[in-house]
Structure formats: structure tokens, C-alpha cells
Amino acid sequence: MRWIADDPDPATRDELQRLLVAALAGGPVTELGERMAGPLRFGTAGLRGPVRAGPAGMNVAVVRRTTAGLAAWLERRGHGGGLVVVGRDARHGSEEFASAAASVLAGAGFTVRSFAEPLPTPVLAYAVQSLDAVAGVQITASHNPPADNGYKVFLGGPDGGAQLVEPADAEIEAAIAAAPAAISIPTSVVSPVSSESVLDEYLARTAVLPRGTARGLRIALTPMHGVGGAVAVRALRMAGFDDVHVVTSQAEPDPNFPTVAFPNPEEPGAVDALLELAAEVSADLAIALDPDADRCALAVPDGGGGWRMLTGNETGVLLGEHILSTLDRSFYSDPLVATTVASSTQLRAVAEAHGARFAQTLTGFKWIVRAGHGFVYGYEEAIGYCVDPATARDKDGIAAAVLAADLAATRGSLLTLLDELALAHGVYLTDAITVRMEPEQRTAVLGRLTDADEKPAPDVFVFAGERSRAVIRPSGTEPKLKAYLEVVEPVSGADGLGAARAVAAERLAGLRAELEARLGDLPGSV
């Protein structure tokens, strides 16, 4: 009853009231219990959860209390009164949640710039840096299911628009817990402003990313019902890539994501419409953005009339090779590239070949972009790429798409370039296993992994073999346990490439079977 009385939104207040009345009348209590089981946990990616009433959902009351906690934390760090930028995607509730966040920040005495239009997350990250804000809030659930929404925080100042890291998440969560009831939090009306000037600056910076001059490329693209479509097309055209074809049925933002079961380019079937369009227009490159456009997936012609999706690791090493081979060493005398412990180690070999430093970080761009001085590029296997840290210190699917187009136009077949990298550094094959399970089940499983060769973090386990490795960790944003596998096979000349790939594939299959047997009869499915 107390939460209902303290909820400032009549719609969610009535929603809970109906559930309570039904439960008191002898009806089911499960749904009411789920709504009140919260609160949502505030992690290093902020909040994510279903749009629904109660402390265990994304709603105006939760957003108000979360923002009050963030404001209190910023004030304690000496940032009171500073500028905070607020952006949003086009999901259910995003406009209301952005307004709620902006009003609480203004009520706490901060200067607030709240963008009127839905925007890709990388543009918000850029705005935090370019406007010298003390923080930024983006309302988005990225590639989560349609029923979800989220709240992501970027830090300003020395962090330059990067996501927050520990212990800031725990400190903010404590401040949220100490916040008053949502209805009692002071607010002030904030009039949204146009994002045009910030977007123009972002696009101008992205347009100069290409290293080469070739532009003869036909591109098929989908924003997957998200907010990146128009911005990506503008970015590509400003960079000189005019021949861009967009999947019509997925071109406009739609919070229901009607043509995909799961709006994530990595999910089976999610890019079917893109590949159909790519074949229809005889494209040279196919690009899929996730709904908030901070990640992108690539597909290329397979030489036999079909299309092949590149893995995140393949795209990651291709972009790393492109950047390092074209880097102006008069400006970057000691460059650093980075990837995560869950990603392929091939980037290390590429870095060594170019005389660059390499860093392996914990999972997440919050760590990648803090890898060290001279950082010029980083990626993670989950199709996230930071190709221009000076513009956005986070993953940026739009900038990555522009640079991928430049690479494909300049070098031709990306599969041929992958062959060249294999000849130079060996065959690197990767695979992944995902098991859906609740946090308490994951904790029990991880407690059985006592013989790991390395533990980069308390919940990250690395098992190393001869030219092979397996990494097991829990997902930071979803109820999943994840395992990442890699094998490396030397290549003895061009004639031996096919044989090396066959041996590597056999070894990878064996490693997968071994790990599945090791994990045993886990709940969920592999």
C-alpha cells in the first residue's frame, strides 16, 4: 500500500491497485509479488527491466528515485549544479522516463539539457563529452525484449563520457535506497531542446573516419526498428557512401519490434530481412544495428551466391587491423588497442605485428575504454566496437559501420582479408555457450569451478590449454551464464590454410563437448 500511495503516476498506481484488489479477493498473487519483489539492481550498465508498476519494474516512480540517488551521488562528488544531458530511445515509456529524470535533476539544482528527439546511445555519449557535462542519462534497454526499458549512466569530467565503474554503481545504489518516496522528490519542469547541433557535430566527426578514398560500395542496412536508421544513413552518406538500401519494414522506430522475435542482431532469424534485401540489391556489405545503435553486425557475400555473418571477433580484428595499418604515428606514437577476456586473443597478434600495445580487460566497455594511455581502439565479441575514442568513449555501431564500409570499399572481400590474417597469425576460431538461469543458480554453478587457471575477477574463470582457452562468467545484464571458447591453429603456407581450419574446427568442437560435459546438467539449455 505504501508504494501505491507514493507513486506519482496515476497509471501505474491504478495498475498496482487492481492487482492488489484481485489478490485480496482471493485471486492469484504471483504477479503482484513479482512487481513488489524489487528493487531493480543498479549495476554498471544502470537499470534494465520490464516496463510495469512497482519497484521491480521500469516506471516513473523508479526513475524518479534512481535519479534522486544519482543526483545525491554527483553532489557528494562536488558536481552539484553541473550540466547533465538526458537522452532516450523510442521504446515504450522512454519519453516519460526521460522527462522524469530531467525534472528530478532540475529539481536538485542541476543544469539539464534534455533532448526532444529519440537518439542513438553513442550520440548521447558524445554529447556528455562535447558539452563538458558532469554526467549523462540515456533511457534505453538496448537490445532487450520489447517489454523492457532501462536507464544508463555516463560520466563526464576525466571519464570523458564513459560508463561508470565500480564502486560507483554500489554507491549510487545505496543513494537510491536512501532516496525519499517518489512523490516527495522535488522536481522542476524541463523543456526538451533539439539535438540537431549535437547530432551535426557527431556526424561531422564520424564522416572523416574513413582512411581510404574508394567509395564504390553498395550497402544494405537495418536499424532493427530502433533509433539508428536515419542517423546511420546520414553518417554513411556524409562519408561518401551514397548507395545505401534500408530494410523498409524495419526502417522506422517501433517499440513493438513487430518483425523480429528478439531485437538483437546476434539472435537467430533477426537479420533474415537484411540478408534478403542484401541479396535482392546485390549489396557488397550488409550492416545490422541493434535498437539503440551502439552495436553493429556485418555480413558479406560468401562467394557462392549466399551471405555469411561475421562473428564479433572477426569484425573486431578486421577493424583493429584497419585502424592500426592506417594510423598516423606522428600523432599516435605509442598506440594501445584493447579487448576483453571473453574475446579472441587474435587482436594481440595483430597489435604485435604493428608495434602497438595490447591490453586485455574485464568484460564491458567501461573497462575497455579505460585500458590505458594511447588508447585508439577496442572491441568486445558481443558486436561492440569503439573505433574513435575521441568522439565516443563507448561502443558505437554507427561509427563502426562507417569504418567497416571504408574497409570493404578499400580492401574488397573481407573474407579474403580474414584469410590473409590467418596466414600471418594462425587460424583463430571461437564459439560460445549460453545457459539461461537465475542468479542463485549461477552462483551455485560458479562455486563448482575451483580449478580455473586464472580468475581475472571473482566471477570470471579462465581455463587455458595448449593453444586453447575457455572463459566462463555470468552475464552482467541478463539472467545467463556464458562460456567463451577459442582455439588457435598454426598455418603452414597458403596451401595449408584449409587443413588448418579443418583441424581448428575439430579441436573447437572437442573443446565445446568437453566444456558441456564439465558444466553437466545445468538448468536451462545450451
Protein backbone atom coordinates (compact mmCIF):
# COMPACT_ATOMS: atom_id res chain seq x y z
CA MET A 1 0.00 0.00 0.00
CA ARG A 2 2.82 2.43 0.78
CA TRP A 3 4.34 2.13 -2.72
CA ILE A 4 0.92 2.76 -4.29
CA ALA A 5 0.38 5.88 -2.20
CA ASP A 6 3.86 7.17 -3.05
CA ASP A 7 3.63 6.55 -6.82
CA PRO A 8 3.29 9.89 -8.67
CA ASP A 9 1.99 8.25 -11.87
CA PRO A 10 -1.76 7.54 -11.78
CA ALA A 11 -1.46 4.85 -14.49
CA THR A 12 0.98 2.63 -12.58
CA ARG A 13 -0.75 3.46 -9.29
CA ASP A 14 -4.02 2.12 -10.71
CA GLU A 15 -2.21 -0.89 -12.19
CA LEU A 16 -0.95 -1.96 -8.77
CA GLN A 17 -4.27 -1.15 -7.11
CA ARG A 18 -6.09 -3.53 -9.48
CA LEU A 19 -3.59 -6.31 -8.78
CA LEU A 20 -3.91 -5.75 -5.04
CA VAL A 21 -7.71 -5.83 -5.12
CA ALA A 22 -7.65 -9.04 -7.16
CA ALA A 23 -5.21 -10.66 -4.72
CA LEU A 24 -7.28 -9.62 -1.68
CA ALA A 25 -10.36 -11.10 -3.35
CA GLY A 26 -8.67 -14.48 -3.49
CA GLY A 27 -7.18 -14.18 -6.94
CA PRO A 28 -3.59 -15.04 -7.94
CA VAL A 29 -0.86 -13.21 -6.03
CA THR A 30 2.11 -14.21 -8.19
CA GLU A 31 2.07 -11.17 -10.44
CA LEU A 32 1.69 -8.74 -7.56
CA GLY A 33 4.54 -10.49 -5.79
CA GLU A 34 6.75 -10.14 -8.84
CA ARG A 35 6.04 -6.40 -9.09
CA MET A 36 6.92 -5.88 -5.42
CA ALA A 37 9.93 -8.21 -5.29
CA GLY A 38 12.38 -5.47 -6.35
CA PRO A 39 14.03 -3.15 -6.39
CA LEU A 40 15.78 -3.40 -9.74
CA ARG A 41 19.51 -3.63 -9.16
CA PHE A 42 21.62 -0.67 -10.27
CA GLY A 43 24.69 -2.16 -11.95
CA THR A 44 27.46 -0.74 -14.10
CA ALA A 45 25.02 -0.65 -17.01
CA GLY A 46 22.43 1.14 -14.84
CA LEU A 47 18.94 -0.34 -14.71
CA ARG A 48 17.10 -2.69 -17.04
CA GLY A 49 13.76 -4.32 -16.52
CA PRO A 50 10.18 -4.73 -17.77
CA VAL A 51 8.01 -1.63 -18.08
CA ARG A 52 5.48 -2.20 -15.31
CA ALA A 53 4.33 -0.82 -11.97
CA GLY A 54 6.16 -1.50 -8.72
CA PRO A 55 9.77 -1.36 -7.52
CA ALA A 56 10.73 -4.36 -9.70
CA GLY A 57 9.85 -2.58 -12.94
CA MET A 58 10.76 0.41 -15.04
CA ASN A 59 8.26 3.19 -14.29
CA VAL A 60 8.18 6.89 -13.38
CA ALA A 61 8.45 6.22 -9.64
CA VAL A 62 11.54 4.05 -10.06
CA VAL A 63 13.13 6.55 -12.45
CA ARG A 64 12.49 9.43 -10.03
CA ARG A 65 14.11 7.60 -7.10
CA THR A 66 17.00 6.41 -9.27
CA THR A 67 17.65 9.94 -10.48
CA ALA A 68 17.45 11.33 -6.96
CA GLY A 69 20.14 8.82 -5.95
CA LEU A 70 22.30 9.76 -8.93
CA ALA A 71 21.88 13.48 -8.14
CA ALA A 72 22.88 12.96 -4.50
CA TRP A 73 25.94 10.96 -5.57
CA LEU A 74 27.02 13.63 -8.06
CA GLU A 75 26.61 16.34 -5.41
CA ARG A 76 28.79 14.40 -2.96
CA ARG A 77 31.49 14.25 -5.64
CA GLY A 78 31.44 18.03 -6.00
CA HIS A 79 29.36 18.21 -9.19
CA GLY A 80 26.27 19.89 -7.80
CA GLY A 81 24.74 22.37 -10.23
CA GLY A 82 26.66 20.97 -13.18
CA LEU A 83 25.25 20.10 -16.59
CA VAL A 84 23.58 16.71 -17.04
CA VAL A 85 22.49 15.58 -20.51
CA VAL A 86 19.39 13.38 -20.85
CA GLY A 87 18.58 11.32 -23.96
CA ARG A 88 16.27 8.46 -24.86
CA ASP A 89 15.43 5.84 -27.43
CA ALA A 90 11.93 5.15 -28.78
CA ARG A 91 10.87 2.27 -26.53
CA HIS A 92 7.67 2.12 -24.51
CA GLY A 93 7.96 4.63 -21.67
CA SER A 94 11.18 6.27 -22.87
CA GLU A 95 9.72 9.75 -23.33
CA GLU A 96 8.03 9.71 -19.91
CA PHE A 97 11.11 8.31 -18.18
CA ALA A 98 13.42 10.88 -19.79
CA SER A 99 11.08 13.66 -18.66
CA ALA A 100 11.00 12.24 -15.14
CA ALA A 101 14.80 12.03 -14.95
CA ALA A 102 15.24 15.57 -16.28
CA SER A 103 12.68 17.01 -13.84
CA VAL A 104 14.35 15.44 -10.80
CA LEU A 105 17.82 16.62 -11.87
CA ALA A 106 16.49 20.14 -12.35
CA GLY A 107 14.72 19.96 -9.01
CA ALA A 108 18.06 19.06 -7.42
CA GLY A 109 19.66 22.19 -8.86
CA PHE A 110 21.44 20.73 -11.89
CA THR A 111 21.51 22.36 -15.29
CA VAL A 112 19.72 19.93 -17.59
CA ARG A 113 19.77 19.54 -21.35
CA SER A 114 17.09 17.04 -22.30
CA PHE A 115 16.89 16.13 -25.98
CA ALA A 116 13.48 16.26 -27.60
CA GLU A 117 14.04 13.55 -30.21
CA PRO A 118 14.94 9.87 -29.74
CA LEU A 119 18.67 9.43 -30.34
CA PRO A 120 21.24 6.61 -30.62
CA THR A 121 23.13 5.96 -27.41
CA PRO A 122 26.53 6.88 -28.98
CA VAL A 123 25.25 10.40 -29.69
CA LEU A 124 24.38 10.81 -26.00
CA ALA A 125 27.85 9.54 -25.04
CA TYR A 126 29.34 12.08 -27.45
CA ALA A 127 27.18 14.87 -26.02
CA VAL A 128 28.44 14.23 -22.48
CA GLN A 129 31.99 14.70 -23.71
CA SER A 130 31.43 17.57 -26.14
CA LEU A 131 29.22 19.63 -23.81
CA ASP A 132 31.54 19.08 -20.83
CA ALA A 133 28.67 17.63 -18.81
CA VAL A 134 29.18 16.11 -15.38
CA ALA A 135 27.03 13.14 -16.40
CA GLY A 136 24.57 11.83 -18.95
CA VAL A 137 21.49 9.64 -18.67
CA GLN A 138 20.21 7.60 -21.63
CA ILE A 139 16.83 5.91 -21.32
CA THR A 140 17.27 2.69 -23.29
CA ALA A 141 17.14 -1.07 -22.96
CA SER A 142 19.45 -1.54 -25.94
CA HIS A 143 18.72 -4.96 -27.48
CA ASN A 144 16.48 -6.30 -24.70
CA PRO A 145 12.97 -7.64 -25.47
CA PRO A 146 10.23 -5.13 -26.41
CA ALA A 147 8.66 -5.20 -22.93
CA ASP A 148 11.83 -3.81 -21.31
CA ASN A 149 13.36 -0.42 -20.81
CA GLY A 150 16.43 0.83 -18.99
CA TYR A 151 18.48 3.68 -17.53
CA LYS A 152 22.14 4.03 -18.47
CA VAL A 153 24.60 6.49 -16.90
CA PHE A 154 27.67 8.07 -18.50
CA LEU A 155 30.21 10.07 -16.52
CA GLY A 156 31.77 13.37 -17.54
CA GLY A 157 34.99 15.04 -16.49
CA PRO A 158 38.10 12.82 -16.58
CA ASP A 159 35.93 9.85 -17.61
CA GLY A 160 35.03 11.69 -20.82
CA GLY A 161 31.62 10.17 -21.48
CA ALA A 162 32.42 6.61 -20.41
CA GLN A 163 30.11 4.33 -18.46
CA LEU A 164 30.58 4.28 -14.71
CA VAL A 165 32.67 1.60 -13.00
CA GLU A 166 32.81 0.04 -9.56
CA PRO A 167 32.39 1.16 -6.83
CA ALA A 168 30.25 3.97 -8.29
CA ASP A 169 27.41 1.56 -9.05
CA ALA A 170 27.18 0.36 -5.45
CA GLU A 171 27.47 3.92 -4.13
CA ILE A 172 24.65 5.11 -6.40
CA GLU A 173 22.52 2.09 -5.48
CA ALA A 174 22.95 2.98 -1.81
CA ALA A 175 21.95 6.57 -2.58
CA ILE A 176 18.85 5.32 -4.39
CA ALA A 177 17.88 3.20 -1.39
CA ALA A 178 18.20 6.30 0.79
CA ALA A 179 16.09 8.48 -1.54
CA PRO A 180 12.68 9.64 -0.32
CA ALA A 181 9.40 8.38 -1.70
CA ALA A 182 8.99 9.20 -5.38
CA ILE A 183 6.06 11.54 -4.77
CA SER A 184 8.14 13.56 -2.27
CA ILE A 185 11.17 14.15 -4.52
CA PRO A 186 11.44 17.79 -5.66
CA THR A 187 11.02 18.29 -9.40
CA SER A 188 11.18 21.16 -11.82
CA VAL A 189 9.79 21.32 -15.34
CA VAL A 190 12.41 20.97 -18.10
CA SER A 191 11.57 21.88 -21.69
CA PRO A 192 13.26 19.46 -24.11
CA VAL A 193 15.60 21.01 -26.66
CA SER A 194 16.56 20.00 -30.17
CA SER A 195 19.53 17.68 -30.55
CA GLU A 196 20.30 19.00 -34.03
CA SER A 197 23.51 20.87 -33.21
CA VAL A 198 25.00 17.98 -31.19
CA LEU A 199 23.97 15.46 -33.84
CA ASP A 200 25.52 17.59 -36.60
CA GLU A 201 28.82 17.71 -34.68
CA TYR A 202 28.76 13.97 -34.09
CA LEU A 203 28.08 13.26 -37.77
CA ALA A 204 30.82 15.63 -38.90
CA ARG A 205 33.35 13.75 -36.77
CA THR A 206 32.10 10.37 -37.94
CA ALA A 207 32.24 11.42 -41.60
CA VAL A 208 36.04 11.83 -41.51
CA LEU A 209 36.72 8.35 -40.12
CA PRO A 210 37.39 6.65 -43.49
CA ARG A 211 41.09 6.12 -44.23
CA GLY A 212 40.76 5.39 -47.96
CA THR A 213 39.24 7.18 -50.92
CA ALA A 214 37.26 4.32 -52.51
CA ARG A 215 33.50 4.73 -52.24
CA GLY A 216 32.15 2.23 -54.77
CA LEU A 217 30.18 0.14 -52.30
CA ARG A 218 26.54 -0.93 -52.16
CA ILE A 219 25.28 -1.31 -48.61
CA ALA A 220 22.18 -2.98 -47.17
CA LEU A 221 21.27 -1.77 -43.68
CA THR A 222 18.72 -2.36 -40.95
CA PRO A 223 18.24 -0.41 -37.71
CA MET A 224 16.01 -3.25 -36.46
CA HIS A 225 13.10 -0.94 -35.56
CA GLY A 226 15.46 1.14 -33.44
CA VAL A 227 16.64 4.75 -33.48
CA GLY A 228 19.82 4.39 -35.56
CA GLY A 229 18.49 4.15 -39.10
CA ALA A 230 18.27 7.77 -40.24
CA VAL A 231 21.44 8.72 -38.36
CA ALA A 232 23.41 5.83 -39.84
CA VAL A 233 22.28 6.65 -43.38
CA ARG A 234 23.29 10.30 -42.87
CA ALA A 235 26.65 9.24 -41.46
CA LEU A 236 27.38 6.91 -44.37
CA ARG A 237 26.32 9.46 -46.97
CA MET A 238 28.35 12.24 -45.35
CA ALA A 239 31.34 9.89 -45.50
CA GLY A 240 30.71 9.41 -49.23
CA PHE A 241 28.77 6.13 -49.24
CA ASP A 242 25.62 7.09 -51.16
CA ASP A 243 24.43 3.66 -52.28
CA VAL A 244 22.62 2.62 -49.09
CA HIS A 245 19.47 0.47 -49.06
CA VAL A 246 17.45 0.19 -45.83
CA VAL A 247 15.09 -2.65 -44.89
CA THR A 248 11.76 -0.85 -45.31
CA SER A 249 9.83 -2.90 -42.77
CA GLN A 250 12.41 -2.15 -40.06
CA ALA A 251 13.40 1.41 -41.00
CA GLU A 252 11.30 3.43 -38.55
CA PRO A 253 11.46 3.24 -34.75
CA ASP A 254 8.77 0.92 -33.42
CA PRO A 255 8.73 -0.07 -29.71
CA ASN A 256 6.85 -3.28 -30.53
CA PHE A 257 9.64 -4.59 -32.82
CA PRO A 258 6.98 -6.36 -34.92
CA THR A 259 9.20 -8.19 -37.44
CA VAL A 260 11.74 -9.73 -35.05
CA ALA A 261 11.22 -12.14 -32.19
CA PHE A 262 14.19 -10.64 -30.33
CA PRO A 263 15.71 -7.30 -31.45
CA ASN A 264 19.33 -8.41 -31.30
CA PRO A 265 21.42 -8.91 -34.47
CA GLU A 266 23.08 -11.92 -32.82
CA GLU A 267 19.80 -13.82 -32.36
CA PRO A 268 18.78 -16.48 -34.92
CA GLY A 269 16.48 -15.04 -37.56
CA ALA A 270 16.94 -11.42 -36.53
CA VAL A 271 18.82 -10.46 -39.71
CA ASP A 272 16.79 -12.52 -42.18
CA ALA A 273 15.12 -9.45 -43.70
CA LEU A 274 18.51 -7.73 -44.02
CA LEU A 275 20.07 -10.65 -45.86
CA GLU A 276 17.06 -10.90 -48.17
CA LEU A 277 17.47 -7.23 -49.07
CA ALA A 278 21.24 -7.61 -49.48
CA ALA A 279 20.72 -10.45 -51.97
CA GLU A 280 17.94 -8.56 -53.77
CA VAL A 281 20.05 -5.42 -54.39
CA SER A 282 23.36 -7.31 -54.86
CA ALA A 283 24.94 -5.47 -51.95
CA ASP A 284 28.65 -5.64 -51.15
CA LEU A 285 28.15 -5.27 -47.40
CA ALA A 286 25.21 -5.78 -45.03
CA ILE A 287 25.01 -3.93 -41.70
CA ALA A 288 22.63 -4.57 -38.80
CA LEU A 289 22.44 -2.10 -35.93
CA ASP A 290 20.92 -3.00 -32.60
CA PRO A 291 17.96 -0.82 -31.49
CA ASP A 292 19.98 1.91 -29.73
CA ALA A 293 22.74 1.71 -32.38
CA ASP A 294 25.68 1.20 -30.07
CA ARG A 295 26.44 -2.19 -31.64
CA CYS A 296 26.53 -3.46 -35.22
CA ALA A 297 26.85 -6.78 -37.02
CA LEU A 298 28.28 -7.31 -40.50
CA ALA A 299 27.51 -9.80 -43.25
CA VAL A 300 29.43 -10.27 -46.51
CA PRO A 301 28.93 -12.25 -49.75
CA ASP A 302 30.28 -15.76 -49.30
CA GLY A 303 31.42 -16.14 -52.90
CA GLY A 304 28.84 -18.82 -53.63
CA GLY A 305 25.74 -16.71 -54.01
CA GLY A 306 24.95 -16.58 -50.29
CA TRP A 307 25.84 -14.45 -47.31
CA ARG A 308 27.96 -15.06 -44.23
CA MET A 309 27.55 -13.24 -40.95
CA LEU A 310 30.88 -12.27 -39.44
CA THR A 311 31.36 -13.03 -35.78
CA GLY A 312 32.03 -10.18 -33.39
CA ASN A 313 35.61 -11.39 -33.07
CA GLU A 314 36.11 -11.44 -36.85
CA THR A 315 34.77 -7.92 -37.26
CA GLY A 316 36.76 -6.83 -34.22
CA VAL A 317 40.10 -7.99 -35.58
CA LEU A 318 39.32 -6.65 -39.08
CA LEU A 319 38.62 -3.17 -37.73
CA GLY A 320 41.66 -3.36 -35.47
CA GLU A 321 43.88 -4.29 -38.42
CA HIS A 322 42.39 -1.44 -40.47
CA ILE A 323 42.97 1.15 -37.76
CA LEU A 324 46.49 0.07 -36.88
CA SER A 325 47.60 -0.22 -40.51
CA THR A 326 46.42 3.32 -41.28
CA LEU A 327 47.22 5.08 -38.00
CA ASP A 328 49.16 8.33 -38.20
CA ARG A 329 52.12 7.52 -35.96
CA SER A 330 53.13 11.17 -35.79
CA PHE A 331 50.04 11.66 -33.60
CA TYR A 332 49.91 8.18 -32.03
CA SER A 333 53.49 7.19 -31.30
CA ASP A 334 52.59 4.50 -28.76
CA PRO A 335 49.08 3.25 -29.58
CA LEU A 336 47.11 0.87 -27.42
CA VAL A 337 44.32 -1.48 -28.50
CA ALA A 338 42.18 -3.49 -26.13
CA THR A 339 39.63 -6.25 -25.91
CA THR A 340 38.11 -8.29 -23.13
CA VAL A 341 38.96 -11.58 -21.51
CA ALA A 342 35.85 -13.03 -23.21
CA SER A 343 37.01 -12.03 -26.70
CA SER A 344 39.50 -13.56 -29.12
CA THR A 345 43.22 -13.10 -28.50
CA GLN A 346 43.92 -12.55 -32.20
CA LEU A 347 43.97 -8.78 -31.69
CA ARG A 348 47.10 -9.28 -29.60
CA ALA A 349 48.92 -10.82 -32.58
CA VAL A 350 47.73 -8.02 -34.88
CA ALA A 351 48.91 -5.40 -32.40
CA GLU A 352 52.33 -7.00 -32.11
CA ALA A 353 52.69 -7.05 -35.89
CA HIS A 354 52.07 -3.29 -35.97
CA GLY A 355 54.26 -2.45 -32.99
CA ALA A 356 51.27 -1.46 -30.86
CA ARG A 357 50.46 -2.30 -27.25
CA PHE A 358 47.62 -4.65 -26.36
CA ALA A 359 45.51 -4.84 -23.21
CA GLN A 360 43.04 -7.48 -22.11
CA THR A 361 40.35 -6.16 -19.77
CA LEU A 362 37.36 -7.40 -17.86
CA THR A 363 34.13 -7.66 -19.82
CA GLY A 364 32.42 -4.38 -20.73
CA PHE A 365 33.28 -1.13 -22.42
CA LYS A 366 33.55 0.58 -19.08
CA TRP A 367 36.86 -1.30 -18.76
CA ILE A 368 37.92 -1.29 -22.42
CA VAL A 369 37.96 2.50 -22.73
CA ARG A 370 39.98 2.75 -19.51
CA ALA A 371 42.63 0.31 -20.75
CA GLY A 372 45.42 2.89 -20.57
CA HIS A 373 47.08 5.87 -22.22
CA GLY A 374 47.29 5.93 -26.00
CA PHE A 375 44.03 4.01 -26.39
CA VAL A 376 42.94 4.10 -30.06
CA TYR A 377 40.61 1.12 -30.46
CA GLY A 378 38.77 -1.53 -28.52
CA TYR A 379 36.12 -4.17 -29.10
CA GLU A 380 34.21 -6.97 -27.41
CA GLU A 381 32.92 -10.14 -29.01
CA ALA A 382 29.29 -9.10 -28.48
CA ILE A 383 29.50 -6.94 -31.67
CA GLY A 384 30.59 -3.79 -29.85
CA TYR A 385 33.38 -1.57 -31.25
CA CYS A 386 34.95 1.70 -30.12
CA VAL A 387 36.66 2.93 -33.29
CA ASP A 388 37.09 6.59 -32.33
CA PRO A 389 37.54 7.19 -28.58
CA ALA A 390 37.87 10.93 -29.19
CA THR A 391 34.22 11.01 -30.31
CA ALA A 392 32.55 8.43 -28.05
CA ARG A 393 34.29 6.60 -25.21
CA ASP A 394 31.90 3.69 -25.57
CA LYS A 395 30.81 1.24 -28.22
CA ASP A 396 29.42 2.98 -31.30
CA GLY A 397 27.64 0.98 -34.00
CA ILE A 398 27.27 3.93 -36.37
CA ALA A 399 30.95 4.92 -36.36
CA ALA A 400 31.88 1.24 -36.69
CA ALA A 401 29.55 0.91 -39.70
CA VAL A 402 31.26 3.86 -41.43
CA LEU A 403 34.71 2.41 -40.82
CA ALA A 404 33.59 -1.06 -41.93
CA ALA A 405 32.27 0.45 -45.17
CA ASP A 406 35.62 2.17 -45.67
CA LEU A 407 37.45 -1.12 -45.11
CA ALA A 408 35.21 -3.06 -47.52
CA ALA A 409 35.48 -0.37 -50.20
CA THR A 410 39.25 -0.14 -49.80
CA ARG A 411 40.21 -3.79 -49.43
CA GLY A 412 37.41 -5.62 -51.27
CA SER A 413 36.41 -9.02 -49.86
CA LEU A 414 36.60 -9.09 -46.08
CA LEU A 415 36.79 -12.88 -46.23
CA THR A 416 39.99 -12.57 -48.25
CA LEU A 417 41.38 -10.22 -45.63
CA LEU A 418 40.50 -12.75 -42.92
CA ASP A 419 42.45 -15.35 -44.91
CA GLU A 420 45.44 -13.01 -45.02
CA LEU A 421 45.28 -12.50 -41.26
CA ALA A 422 45.09 -16.28 -40.73
CA LEU A 423 48.17 -16.79 -42.89
CA ALA A 424 50.01 -14.14 -40.91
CA HIS A 425 48.93 -15.09 -37.39
CA GLY A 426 47.26 -18.50 -37.48
CA VAL A 427 43.63 -19.64 -37.52
CA TYR A 428 41.64 -18.32 -34.54
CA LEU A 429 38.24 -19.99 -34.13
CA THR A 430 35.77 -19.04 -31.40
CA ASP A 431 32.45 -20.31 -30.10
CA ALA A 432 30.11 -19.51 -27.22
CA ILE A 433 27.72 -21.37 -24.94
CA THR A 434 24.84 -19.58 -23.21
CA VAL A 435 22.71 -21.05 -20.44
CA ARG A 436 19.71 -19.15 -19.07
CA MET A 437 19.48 -19.36 -15.28
CA GLU A 438 18.62 -17.27 -12.27
CA PRO A 439 21.36 -15.54 -10.22
CA GLU A 440 21.26 -18.02 -7.32
CA GLN A 441 21.66 -20.93 -9.76
CA ARG A 442 24.60 -19.19 -11.45
CA THR A 443 26.26 -18.67 -8.09
CA ALA A 444 25.99 -22.38 -7.31
CA VAL A 445 27.45 -23.36 -10.69
CA LEU A 446 30.33 -20.90 -10.45
CA GLY A 447 31.12 -22.23 -6.99
CA ARG A 448 31.98 -25.59 -8.59
CA LEU A 449 34.70 -24.10 -10.81
CA THR A 450 37.54 -24.45 -8.34
CA ASP A 451 40.35 -25.46 -10.69
CA ALA A 452 40.48 -22.44 -13.02
CA ASP A 453 43.91 -21.42 -14.29
CA GLU A 454 43.07 -17.74 -13.88
CA LYS A 455 40.43 -15.64 -12.14
CA PRO A 456 40.60 -12.09 -13.56
CA ALA A 457 37.60 -11.27 -11.36
CA PRO A 458 35.79 -13.17 -8.59
CA ASP A 459 33.14 -14.42 -11.03
CA VAL A 460 35.32 -14.86 -14.15
CA PHE A 461 37.05 -18.24 -14.66
CA VAL A 462 39.68 -18.91 -17.34
CA PHE A 463 40.74 -22.46 -18.28
CA ALA A 464 43.82 -22.49 -20.51
CA GLY A 465 45.11 -25.36 -22.63
CA GLU A 466 47.66 -25.73 -25.41
CA ARG A 467 46.60 -23.10 -27.95
CA SER A 468 43.07 -23.12 -26.48
CA ARG A 469 41.13 -21.39 -23.76
CA ALA A 470 37.67 -21.29 -22.19
CA VAL A 471 36.23 -18.41 -20.18
CA ILE A 472 33.13 -18.75 -18.01
CA ARG A 473 31.29 -15.80 -16.49
CA PRO A 474 27.76 -14.60 -15.64
CA SER A 475 26.07 -12.03 -17.88
CA GLY A 476 26.04 -8.55 -16.40
CA THR A 477 22.66 -7.58 -17.88
CA GLU A 478 20.65 -10.78 -18.38
CA PRO A 479 19.89 -13.98 -16.41
CA LYS A 480 22.50 -16.04 -18.23
CA LEU A 481 25.72 -17.94 -17.69
CA LYS A 482 28.14 -17.56 -20.60
CA ALA A 483 31.15 -19.55 -21.76
CA TYR A 484 33.57 -18.40 -24.47
CA LEU A 485 35.82 -20.84 -26.32
CA GLU A 486 38.86 -20.28 -28.53
CA VAL A 487 41.38 -22.45 -30.33
CA VAL A 488 44.43 -21.34 -32.30
CA GLU A 489 45.95 -23.41 -35.10
CA PRO A 490 49.20 -22.53 -36.90
CA VAL A 491 49.15 -22.33 -40.71
CA SER A 492 51.99 -23.64 -42.85
CA GLY A 493 51.66 -21.56 -46.03
CA ALA A 494 48.68 -20.73 -48.22
CA ASP A 495 48.20 -24.35 -49.24
CA GLY A 496 47.78 -25.32 -45.61
CA LEU A 497 45.04 -22.83 -44.72
CA GLY A 498 42.15 -25.20 -45.45
CA ALA A 499 43.71 -28.02 -43.47
CA ALA A 500 44.46 -25.69 -40.53
CA ARG A 501 40.85 -24.53 -40.47
CA ALA A 502 39.61 -28.13 -40.51
CA VAL A 503 41.88 -29.07 -37.60
CA ALA A 504 40.85 -25.94 -35.69
CA ALA A 505 37.15 -26.71 -36.21
CA GLU A 506 37.64 -30.26 -34.93
CA ARG A 507 39.53 -29.03 -31.89
CA LEU A 508 36.86 -26.40 -31.17
CA ALA A 509 34.09 -29.00 -31.35
CA GLY A 510 36.03 -31.17 -28.93
CA LEU A 511 36.55 -28.25 -26.55
CA ARG A 512 32.85 -27.45 -26.65
CA ALA A 513 31.87 -31.05 -25.90
CA GLU A 514 34.37 -31.15 -23.04
CA LEU A 515 33.01 -27.95 -21.51
CA GLU A 516 29.37 -29.00 -21.87
CA ALA A 517 30.21 -32.25 -20.10
CA ARG A 518 32.05 -30.28 -17.42
CA LEU A 519 29.10 -28.00 -16.79
CA GLY A 520 26.81 -31.00 -16.64
CA ASP A 521 23.03 -30.98 -16.38
CA LEU A 522 22.57 -27.29 -15.75
CA PRO A 523 19.13 -25.68 -15.64
CA GLY A 524 18.23 -24.03 -18.93
CA SER A 525 19.53 -25.15 -22.30
CA VAL A 526 22.87 -24.91 -24.05
